[in-house]
Amino acid sequence: MLEDGHCLRDQAMGFCFEAGADEDTHFRATSLETLRNMVAAGSGITLLPALAVPPERKRDGVVYLPCIKPEPRRTIGLVYRPGSPLRSRYEQLAEAIRARMDGHFDKVLKQAV
C-alpha cells in the first residue's frame, strides 16, 4: 500500500475496505513503481492507474487486469499565474494534452488484458 499522503491511497483503501480487507501495515511503498515491483516479487496485489502500466509489461512478470466498474476517473487541470504573458501557450498545451488523452486510457486498458 502507498504511504499516507499519496492521492491514490485513499481511493485504493476505500475499495479494499468495501471488499472486507484489513490493512497490513508491514508493507508500504513510496511510489507506484515500488508497488509494481512488490507484486512482481510475489508480495501481493495492487491497484495502479492506467498511466502507470509500463509499455514493457509483457516481460515484467505481472498481469495487468482492468477490473473496476465504473472506471474511476480523475480530473486534472493545468495551473498558471493570472496575467502570465505565456497564457496562450499554456492554453495550447492544455488543448494538446486533451487531444492526446482522448481515448488513450481505453486503449491502454484493452492492451493490458
C-alpha atoms as a PDB file:
ATOM      1  CA  MET A   1       0.000   0.000   0.000  1.00  0.00           C
ATOM      2  CA  LEU A   2       1.141   3.525  -0.683  1.00  0.00           C
ATOM      3  CA  GLU A   3       2.199   5.679   2.243  1.00  0.00           C
ATOM      4  CA  ASP A   4      -0.150   8.245   3.769  1.00  0.00           C
ATOM      5  CA  GLY A   5      -0.419  11.372   1.653  1.00  0.00           C
ATOM      6  CA  HIS A   6      -0.412   9.725  -1.784  1.00  0.00           C
ATOM      7  CA  CYS A   7      -3.526  10.684  -3.751  1.00  0.00           C
ATOM      8  CA  LEU A   8      -4.243   7.089  -4.848  1.00  0.00           C
ATOM      9  CA  ARG A   9      -4.004   5.648  -1.329  1.00  0.00           C
ATOM     10  CA  ASP A  10      -7.412   6.809  -0.071  1.00  0.00           C
ATOM     11  CA  GLN A  11      -9.169   5.561  -3.200  1.00  0.00           C
ATOM     12  CA  ALA A  12      -7.442   2.174  -3.046  1.00  0.00           C
ATOM     13  CA  MET A  13      -8.112   1.787   0.675  1.00  0.00           C
ATOM     14  CA  GLY A  14     -11.789   2.577   0.094  1.00  0.00           C
ATOM     15  CA  PHE A  15     -12.070  -0.248  -2.454  1.00  0.00           C
ATOM     16  CA  CYS A  16     -10.223  -2.658  -0.153  1.00  0.00           C
ATOM     17  CA  PHE A  17     -12.275  -1.831   2.952  1.00  0.00           C
ATOM     18  CA  GLU A  18     -15.531  -2.191   0.971  1.00  0.00           C
ATOM     19  CA  ALA A  19     -14.397  -5.691  -0.002  1.00  0.00           C
ATOM     20  CA  GLY A  20     -13.766  -6.546   3.662  1.00  0.00           C
ATOM     21  CA  ALA A  21      -9.964  -6.357   3.598  1.00  0.00           C
ATOM     22  CA  ASP A  22      -7.831  -5.226   6.515  1.00  0.00           C
ATOM     23  CA  GLU A  23      -4.752  -3.044   6.117  1.00  0.00           C
ATOM     24  CA  ASP A  24      -1.397  -4.787   6.580  1.00  0.00           C
ATOM     25  CA  THR A  25       0.910  -2.062   7.874  1.00  0.00           C
ATOM     26  CA  HIS A  26       4.044  -4.174   7.298  1.00  0.00           C
ATOM     27  CA  PHE A  27       4.137  -3.289   3.605  1.00  0.00           C
ATOM     28  CA  ARG A  28       4.369   0.331   2.472  1.00  0.00           C
ATOM     29  CA  ALA A  29       5.632   1.928  -0.730  1.00  0.00           C
ATOM     30  CA  THR A  30       6.529   5.470  -1.705  1.00  0.00           C
ATOM     31  CA  SER A  31       5.875   5.084  -5.433  1.00  0.00           C
ATOM     32  CA  LEU A  32       3.725   3.229  -7.931  1.00  0.00           C
ATOM     33  CA  GLU A  33       6.847   1.625  -9.390  1.00  0.00           C
ATOM     34  CA  THR A  34       7.730   0.204  -5.977  1.00  0.00           C
ATOM     35  CA  LEU A  35       4.228  -1.266  -5.685  1.00  0.00           C
ATOM     36  CA  ARG A  36       4.567  -2.861  -9.124  1.00  0.00           C
ATOM     37  CA  ASN A  37       7.924  -4.363  -8.152  1.00  0.00           C
ATOM     38  CA  MET A  38       6.471  -5.709  -4.905  1.00  0.00           C
ATOM     39  CA  VAL A  39       3.777  -7.509  -6.921  1.00  0.00           C
ATOM     40  CA  ALA A  40       6.422  -8.886  -9.303  1.00  0.00           C
ATOM     41  CA  ALA A  41       8.302 -10.209  -6.257  1.00  0.00           C
ATOM     42  CA  GLY A  42       5.196 -12.041  -5.015  1.00  0.00           C
ATOM     43  CA  SER A  43       4.207  -9.659  -2.205  1.00  0.00           C
ATOM     44  CA  GLY A  44       0.518  -9.417  -3.110  1.00  0.00           C
ATOM     45  CA  ILE A  45      -1.619  -7.371  -5.461  1.00  0.00           C
ATOM     46  CA  THR A  46      -2.130  -3.654  -6.044  1.00  0.00           C
ATOM     47  CA  LEU A  47      -4.252  -1.116  -7.895  1.00  0.00           C
ATOM     48  CA  LEU A  48      -2.462   1.038 -10.482  1.00  0.00           C
ATOM     49  CA  PRO A  49      -3.638   3.896 -12.680  1.00  0.00           C
ATOM     50  CA  ALA A  50      -3.605   3.059 -16.405  1.00  0.00           C
ATOM     51  CA  LEU A  51      -0.814   5.585 -16.984  1.00  0.00           C
ATOM     52  CA  ALA A  52       1.427   3.607 -14.599  1.00  0.00           C
ATOM     53  CA  VAL A  53       1.196   0.460 -16.748  1.00  0.00           C
ATOM     54  CA  PRO A  54       4.624   0.201 -18.389  1.00  0.00           C
ATOM     55  CA  PRO A  55       4.973  -0.467 -22.123  1.00  0.00           C
ATOM     56  CA  GLU A  56       7.311  -3.394 -21.378  1.00  0.00           C
ATOM     57  CA  ARG A  57       4.653  -5.100 -19.223  1.00  0.00           C
ATOM     58  CA  LYS A  58       4.784  -8.386 -21.146  1.00  0.00           C
ATOM     59  CA  ARG A  59       8.269  -9.012 -19.730  1.00  0.00           C
ATOM     60  CA  ASP A  60       7.865  -7.865 -16.147  1.00  0.00           C
ATOM     61  CA  GLY A  61       6.171 -10.926 -14.629  1.00  0.00           C
ATOM     62  CA  VAL A  62       2.976  -9.083 -13.677  1.00  0.00           C
ATOM     63  CA  VAL A  63      -0.566  -9.490 -15.040  1.00  0.00           C
ATOM     64  CA  TYR A  64      -2.464  -6.228 -15.624  1.00  0.00           C
ATOM     65  CA  LEU A  65      -6.236  -6.596 -15.468  1.00  0.00           C
ATOM     66  CA  PRO A  66      -8.831  -3.832 -15.800  1.00  0.00           C
ATOM     67  CA  CYS A  67     -11.262  -4.713 -13.032  1.00  0.00           C
ATOM     68  CA  ILE A  68     -13.198  -1.766 -11.704  1.00  0.00           C
ATOM     69  CA  LYS A  69     -16.660  -0.779 -12.940  1.00  0.00           C
ATOM     70  CA  PRO A  70     -17.475   2.000 -13.180  1.00  0.00           C
ATOM     71  CA  GLU A  71     -13.978   3.057 -14.129  1.00  0.00           C
ATOM     72  CA  PRO A  72     -12.547   5.512 -11.622  1.00  0.00           C
ATOM     73  CA  ARG A  73     -11.748   8.896 -13.101  1.00  0.00           C
ATOM     74  CA  ARG A  74      -9.647  11.810 -12.006  1.00  0.00           C
ATOM     75  CA  THR A  75      -9.926  15.374 -13.220  1.00  0.00           C
ATOM     76  CA  ILE A  76      -6.689  17.307 -13.541  1.00  0.00           C
ATOM     77  CA  GLY A  77      -6.056  20.866 -14.570  1.00  0.00           C
ATOM     78  CA  LEU A  78      -3.200  22.990 -15.814  1.00  0.00           C
ATOM     79  CA  VAL A  79      -2.461  25.765 -13.320  1.00  0.00           C
ATOM     80  CA  TYR A  80      -0.693  29.020 -14.126  1.00  0.00           C
ATOM     81  CA  ARG A  81      -0.372  32.526 -12.709  1.00  0.00           C
ATOM     82  CA  PRO A  82      -3.067  35.039 -13.723  1.00  0.00           C
ATOM     83  CA  GLY A  83      -1.768  37.613 -16.160  1.00  0.00           C
ATOM     84  CA  SER A  84       1.060  35.391 -17.361  1.00  0.00           C
ATOM     85  CA  PRO A  85       2.436  36.525 -20.729  1.00  0.00           C
ATOM     86  CA  LEU A  86       2.561  32.823 -21.673  1.00  0.00           C
ATOM     87  CA  ARG A  87      -1.200  32.306 -21.237  1.00  0.00           C
ATOM     88  CA  SER A  88      -1.830  31.453 -24.892  1.00  0.00           C
ATOM     89  CA  ARG A  89       0.969  28.857 -24.846  1.00  0.00           C
ATOM     90  CA  TYR A  90      -0.411  27.289 -21.682  1.00  0.00           C
ATOM     91  CA  GLU A  91      -3.869  27.083 -23.240  1.00  0.00           C
ATOM     92  CA  GLN A  92      -2.365  25.459 -26.346  1.00  0.00           C
ATOM     93  CA  LEU A  93      -0.578  22.958 -24.122  1.00  0.00           C
ATOM     94  CA  ALA A  94      -3.809  22.151 -22.267  1.00  0.00           C
ATOM     95  CA  GLU A  95      -5.602  21.578 -25.576  1.00  0.00           C
ATOM     96  CA  ALA A  96      -2.776  19.354 -26.842  1.00  0.00           C
ATOM     97  CA  ILE A  97      -2.970  17.271 -23.661  1.00  0.00           C
ATOM     98  CA  ARG A  98      -6.765  16.965 -24.001  1.00  0.00           C
ATOM     99  CA  ALA A  99      -6.425  15.840 -27.619  1.00  0.00           C
ATOM    100  CA  ARG A 100      -3.671  13.346 -26.772  1.00  0.00           C
ATOM    101  CA  MET A 101      -5.534  11.811 -23.832  1.00  0.00           C
ATOM    102  CA  ASP A 102      -8.891  11.455 -25.607  1.00  0.00           C
ATOM    103  CA  GLY A 103      -9.450   7.697 -25.748  1.00  0.00           C
ATOM    104  CA  HIS A 104      -5.915   6.934 -24.516  1.00  0.00           C
ATOM    105  CA  PHE A 105      -6.996   5.163 -21.336  1.00  0.00           C
ATOM    106  CA  ASP A 106      -9.415   2.839 -23.110  1.00  0.00           C
ATOM    107  CA  LYS A 107      -6.615   1.769 -25.452  1.00  0.00           C
ATOM    108  CA  VAL A 108      -4.165   1.191 -22.576  1.00  0.00           C
ATOM    109  CA  LEU A 109      -6.652  -0.952 -20.671  1.00  0.00           C
ATOM    110  CA  LYS A 110      -7.523  -3.061 -23.726  1.00  0.00           C
ATOM    111  CA  GLN A 111      -3.820  -3.744 -24.329  1.00  0.00           C
ATOM    112  CA  ALA A 112      -3.327  -4.777 -20.689  1.00  0.00           C
ATOM    113  CA  VAL A 113      -5.652  -7.786 -20.923  1.00  0.00           C
END
